[in-house]
Amino acid sequence: MSINLTGVFLGQKAVIPHMINSGGGSIVNISSIAGLTGGSGAGAYTASKGAVRMLTKATAVDFAKHNIRANSIHPGYIKTPMSIKSMEDPDMRQWFLSQTPLPRLGLAEDIANAVLFLASDESPISQG
């Protein structure tokens, strides 16, 4: 909860006054597919990521009048240095792929590109 939710809350709390003073901006929070669907054995993680989603939605509504957009991204299984060991195990890799609509695991670059788009002026949306 401290990292996944409180960290997001405190980050927003720190930046929003500056955004208001400068005429707006974009907030992009990272949640997880678990924040949308839940997950067995991961109650605290699922709750924290679901809370990030709802905090983002509240932020979008509360600060739209200040030209501040807020969105959240909900990645699934992403190949990172933290997950690579599990994802390279053939049985685990097959399980991860069975849980993923695309025929490949996600990459950090996939998430980075989504964040870049949502943070840019090309994305005049705010959906949480």
C-alpha atoms as a PDB file:
ATOM      1  CA  MET A   1       0.000   0.000   0.000  1.00  0.00           C
ATOM      2  CA  SER A   2       2.811   2.422   0.851  1.00  0.00           C
ATOM      3  CA  ILE A   3       4.462   2.182  -2.553  1.00  0.00           C
ATOM      4  CA  ASN A   4       1.551   1.368  -4.814  1.00  0.00           C
ATOM      5  CA  LEU A   5      -1.043   3.761  -3.417  1.00  0.00           C
ATOM      6  CA  THR A   6       0.479   6.189  -0.929  1.00  0.00           C
ATOM      7  CA  GLY A   7       3.390   6.901  -3.279  1.00  0.00           C
ATOM      8  CA  VAL A   8       0.976   7.801  -6.084  1.00  0.00           C
ATOM      9  CA  PHE A   9      -1.127   9.941  -3.749  1.00  0.00           C
ATOM     10  CA  LEU A  10       1.887  11.846  -2.420  1.00  0.00           C
ATOM     11  CA  GLY A  11       3.282  12.329  -5.922  1.00  0.00           C
ATOM     12  CA  GLN A  12       0.010  13.856  -7.080  1.00  0.00           C
ATOM     13  CA  LYS A  13      -0.237  15.974  -3.936  1.00  0.00           C
ATOM     14  CA  ALA A  14       3.209  17.396  -4.652  1.00  0.00           C
ATOM     15  CA  VAL A  15       2.721  18.124  -8.349  1.00  0.00           C
ATOM     16  CA  ILE A  16      -0.890  19.285  -8.644  1.00  0.00           C
ATOM     17  CA  PRO A  17      -0.338  22.747  -7.076  1.00  0.00           C
ATOM     18  CA  HIS A  18       2.461  23.377  -9.598  1.00  0.00           C
ATOM     19  CA  MET A  19       0.243  22.203 -12.438  1.00  0.00           C
ATOM     20  CA  ILE A  20      -2.558  24.501 -11.330  1.00  0.00           C
ATOM     21  CA  ASN A  21      -0.144  27.459 -11.185  1.00  0.00           C
ATOM     22  CA  SER A  22       1.266  26.681 -14.629  1.00  0.00           C
ATOM     23  CA  GLY A  23      -2.083  26.206 -16.369  1.00  0.00           C
ATOM     24  CA  GLY A  24      -2.480  22.447 -16.372  1.00  0.00           C
ATOM     25  CA  GLY A  25      -0.722  19.269 -17.301  1.00  0.00           C
ATOM     26  CA  SER A  26      -1.017  15.522 -17.441  1.00  0.00           C
ATOM     27  CA  ILE A  27      -0.766  12.871 -14.747  1.00  0.00           C
ATOM     28  CA  VAL A  28      -0.258   9.243 -15.786  1.00  0.00           C
ATOM     29  CA  ASN A  29      -0.430   6.694 -12.988  1.00  0.00           C
ATOM     30  CA  ILE A  30       0.618   3.066 -13.305  1.00  0.00           C
ATOM     31  CA  SER A  31      -1.887   0.566 -11.990  1.00  0.00           C
ATOM     32  CA  SER A  32      -2.161  -3.077 -13.071  1.00  0.00           C
ATOM     33  CA  ILE A  33      -4.550  -5.451 -14.765  1.00  0.00           C
ATOM     34  CA  ALA A  34      -4.988  -6.814 -11.233  1.00  0.00           C
ATOM     35  CA  GLY A  35      -6.572  -3.477 -10.316  1.00  0.00           C
ATOM     36  CA  LEU A  36      -9.310  -4.242 -12.843  1.00  0.00           C
ATOM     37  CA  THR A  37      -9.750  -7.989 -12.513  1.00  0.00           C
ATOM     38  CA  GLY A  38      -8.421  -8.985  -9.107  1.00  0.00           C
ATOM     39  CA  GLY A  39      -6.168 -11.943  -8.553  1.00  0.00           C
ATOM     40  CA  SER A  40      -5.861 -14.955  -6.323  1.00  0.00           C
ATOM     41  CA  GLY A  41      -3.294 -14.707  -3.545  1.00  0.00           C
ATOM     42  CA  ALA A  42      -2.614 -11.037  -4.173  1.00  0.00           C
ATOM     43  CA  GLY A  43      -5.283  -9.248  -2.139  1.00  0.00           C
ATOM     44  CA  ALA A  44      -3.203  -6.307  -0.937  1.00  0.00           C
ATOM     45  CA  TYR A  45      -1.602  -5.799  -4.355  1.00  0.00           C
ATOM     46  CA  THR A  46      -4.969  -5.997  -6.111  1.00  0.00           C
ATOM     47  CA  ALA A  47      -6.550  -3.589  -3.624  1.00  0.00           C
ATOM     48  CA  SER A  48      -3.695  -1.095  -3.940  1.00  0.00           C
ATOM     49  CA  LYS A  49      -3.795  -1.120  -7.745  1.00  0.00           C
ATOM     50  CA  GLY A  50      -7.587  -0.831  -7.771  1.00  0.00           C
ATOM     51  CA  ALA A  51      -7.250   2.151  -5.455  1.00  0.00           C
ATOM     52  CA  VAL A  52      -4.759   3.760  -7.866  1.00  0.00           C
ATOM     53  CA  ARG A  53      -7.371   3.430 -10.598  1.00  0.00           C
ATOM     54  CA  MET A  54     -10.061   5.092  -8.505  1.00  0.00           C
ATOM     55  CA  LEU A  55      -7.718   7.808  -7.203  1.00  0.00           C
ATOM     56  CA  THR A  56      -6.861   8.584 -10.820  1.00  0.00           C
ATOM     57  CA  LYS A  57     -10.530   8.824 -11.767  1.00  0.00           C
ATOM     58  CA  ALA A  58     -11.217  11.160  -8.841  1.00  0.00           C
ATOM     59  CA  THR A  59      -8.199  13.270  -9.798  1.00  0.00           C
ATOM     60  CA  ALA A  60      -9.425  13.505 -13.399  1.00  0.00           C
ATOM     61  CA  VAL A  61     -12.819  14.769 -12.257  1.00  0.00           C
ATOM     62  CA  ASP A  62     -11.559  17.069  -9.496  1.00  0.00           C
ATOM     63  CA  PHE A  63      -8.858  18.809 -11.500  1.00  0.00           C
ATOM     64  CA  ALA A  64     -10.224  18.927 -15.053  1.00  0.00           C
ATOM     65  CA  LYS A  65     -11.336  22.488 -14.347  1.00  0.00           C
ATOM     66  CA  HIS A  66      -7.637  23.353 -13.965  1.00  0.00           C
ATOM     67  CA  ASN A  67      -6.765  21.776 -17.333  1.00  0.00           C
ATOM     68  CA  ILE A  68      -5.161  18.782 -15.626  1.00  0.00           C
ATOM     69  CA  ARG A  69      -5.667  15.420 -17.297  1.00  0.00           C
ATOM     70  CA  ALA A  70      -5.311  12.213 -15.282  1.00  0.00           C
ATOM     71  CA  ASN A  71      -5.125   8.694 -16.681  1.00  0.00           C
ATOM     72  CA  SER A  72      -3.995   5.329 -15.429  1.00  0.00           C
ATOM     73  CA  ILE A  73      -2.419   2.454 -17.301  1.00  0.00           C
ATOM     74  CA  HIS A  74      -3.166  -1.148 -16.334  1.00  0.00           C
ATOM     75  CA  PRO A  75      -0.390  -3.409 -17.652  1.00  0.00           C
ATOM     76  CA  GLY A  76      -0.536  -7.157 -17.587  1.00  0.00           C
ATOM     77  CA  TYR A  77       2.553  -9.345 -17.491  1.00  0.00           C
ATOM     78  CA  ILE A  78       5.575  -7.286 -18.500  1.00  0.00           C
ATOM     79  CA  LYS A  79       9.054  -8.645 -19.142  1.00  0.00           C
ATOM     80  CA  THR A  80      11.341  -6.690 -16.791  1.00  0.00           C
ATOM     81  CA  PRO A  81      14.549  -7.433 -14.889  1.00  0.00           C
ATOM     82  CA  MET A  82      12.376  -8.305 -11.880  1.00  0.00           C
ATOM     83  CA  SER A  83      10.231 -10.826 -13.784  1.00  0.00           C
ATOM     84  CA  ILE A  84      12.669 -12.196 -16.351  1.00  0.00           C
ATOM     85  CA  LYS A  85      13.693 -15.248 -14.307  1.00  0.00           C
ATOM     86  CA  SER A  86      10.087 -16.445 -14.013  1.00  0.00           C
ATOM     87  CA  MET A  87       9.276 -15.593 -17.610  1.00  0.00           C
ATOM     88  CA  GLU A  88      12.237 -17.549 -18.960  1.00  0.00           C
ATOM     89  CA  ASP A  89      11.136 -20.740 -17.221  1.00  0.00           C
ATOM     90  CA  PRO A  90       9.332 -22.676 -20.008  1.00  0.00           C
ATOM     91  CA  ASP A  91       6.354 -23.721 -17.864  1.00  0.00           C
ATOM     92  CA  MET A  92       5.900 -20.292 -16.319  1.00  0.00           C
ATOM     93  CA  ARG A  93       6.354 -18.586 -19.697  1.00  0.00           C
ATOM     94  CA  GLN A  94       3.572 -20.732 -21.136  1.00  0.00           C
ATOM     95  CA  TRP A  95       1.314 -19.823 -18.204  1.00  0.00           C
ATOM     96  CA  PHE A  96       2.040 -16.083 -18.621  1.00  0.00           C
ATOM     97  CA  LEU A  97       1.314 -16.347 -22.344  1.00  0.00           C
ATOM     98  CA  SER A  98      -1.943 -18.193 -21.652  1.00  0.00           C
ATOM     99  CA  GLN A  99      -3.040 -15.175 -19.580  1.00  0.00           C
ATOM    100  CA  THR A 100      -2.129 -12.659 -22.313  1.00  0.00           C
ATOM    101  CA  PRO A 101      -4.291 -11.865 -25.367  1.00  0.00           C
ATOM    102  CA  LEU A 102      -1.274 -11.023 -27.542  1.00  0.00           C
ATOM    103  CA  PRO A 103       0.999 -13.853 -28.649  1.00  0.00           C
ATOM    104  CA  ARG A 104       3.923 -12.298 -26.744  1.00  0.00           C
ATOM    105  CA  LEU A 105       4.798 -10.937 -23.322  1.00  0.00           C
ATOM    106  CA  GLY A 106       4.605  -7.203 -22.786  1.00  0.00           C
ATOM    107  CA  LEU A 107       7.737  -5.064 -22.753  1.00  0.00           C
ATOM    108  CA  ALA A 108       8.590  -2.021 -20.673  1.00  0.00           C
ATOM    109  CA  GLU A 109       8.723  -0.058 -23.941  1.00  0.00           C
ATOM    110  CA  ASP A 110       5.047  -0.846 -24.534  1.00  0.00           C
ATOM    111  CA  ILE A 111       4.144   0.848 -21.272  1.00  0.00           C
ATOM    112  CA  ALA A 112       6.574   3.725 -21.839  1.00  0.00           C
ATOM    113  CA  ASN A 113       5.003   4.468 -25.225  1.00  0.00           C
ATOM    114  CA  ALA A 114       1.519   4.523 -23.715  1.00  0.00           C
ATOM    115  CA  VAL A 115       2.703   6.891 -20.962  1.00  0.00           C
ATOM    116  CA  LEU A 116       4.375   9.170 -23.512  1.00  0.00           C
ATOM    117  CA  PHE A 117       1.187   9.376 -25.551  1.00  0.00           C
ATOM    118  CA  LEU A 118      -1.065  10.063 -22.570  1.00  0.00           C
ATOM    119  CA  ALA A 119       1.334  12.695 -21.226  1.00  0.00           C
ATOM    120  CA  SER A 120       1.584  14.441 -24.587  1.00  0.00           C
ATOM    121  CA  ASP A 121      -0.580  17.189 -26.021  1.00  0.00           C
ATOM    122  CA  GLU A 122      -1.703  14.652 -28.644  1.00  0.00           C
ATOM    123  CA  SER A 123      -3.836  13.040 -25.928  1.00  0.00           C
ATOM    124  CA  PRO A 124      -6.579  15.455 -24.923  1.00  0.00           C
ATOM    125  CA  ILE A 125      -8.359  12.706 -23.005  1.00  0.00           C
ATOM    126  CA  SER A 126      -8.778  12.024 -19.336  1.00  0.00           C
ATOM    127  CA  GLN A 127     -10.299   8.704 -18.444  1.00  0.00           C
ATOM    128  CA  GLY A 128      -8.589   7.328 -15.342  1.00  0.00           C
END
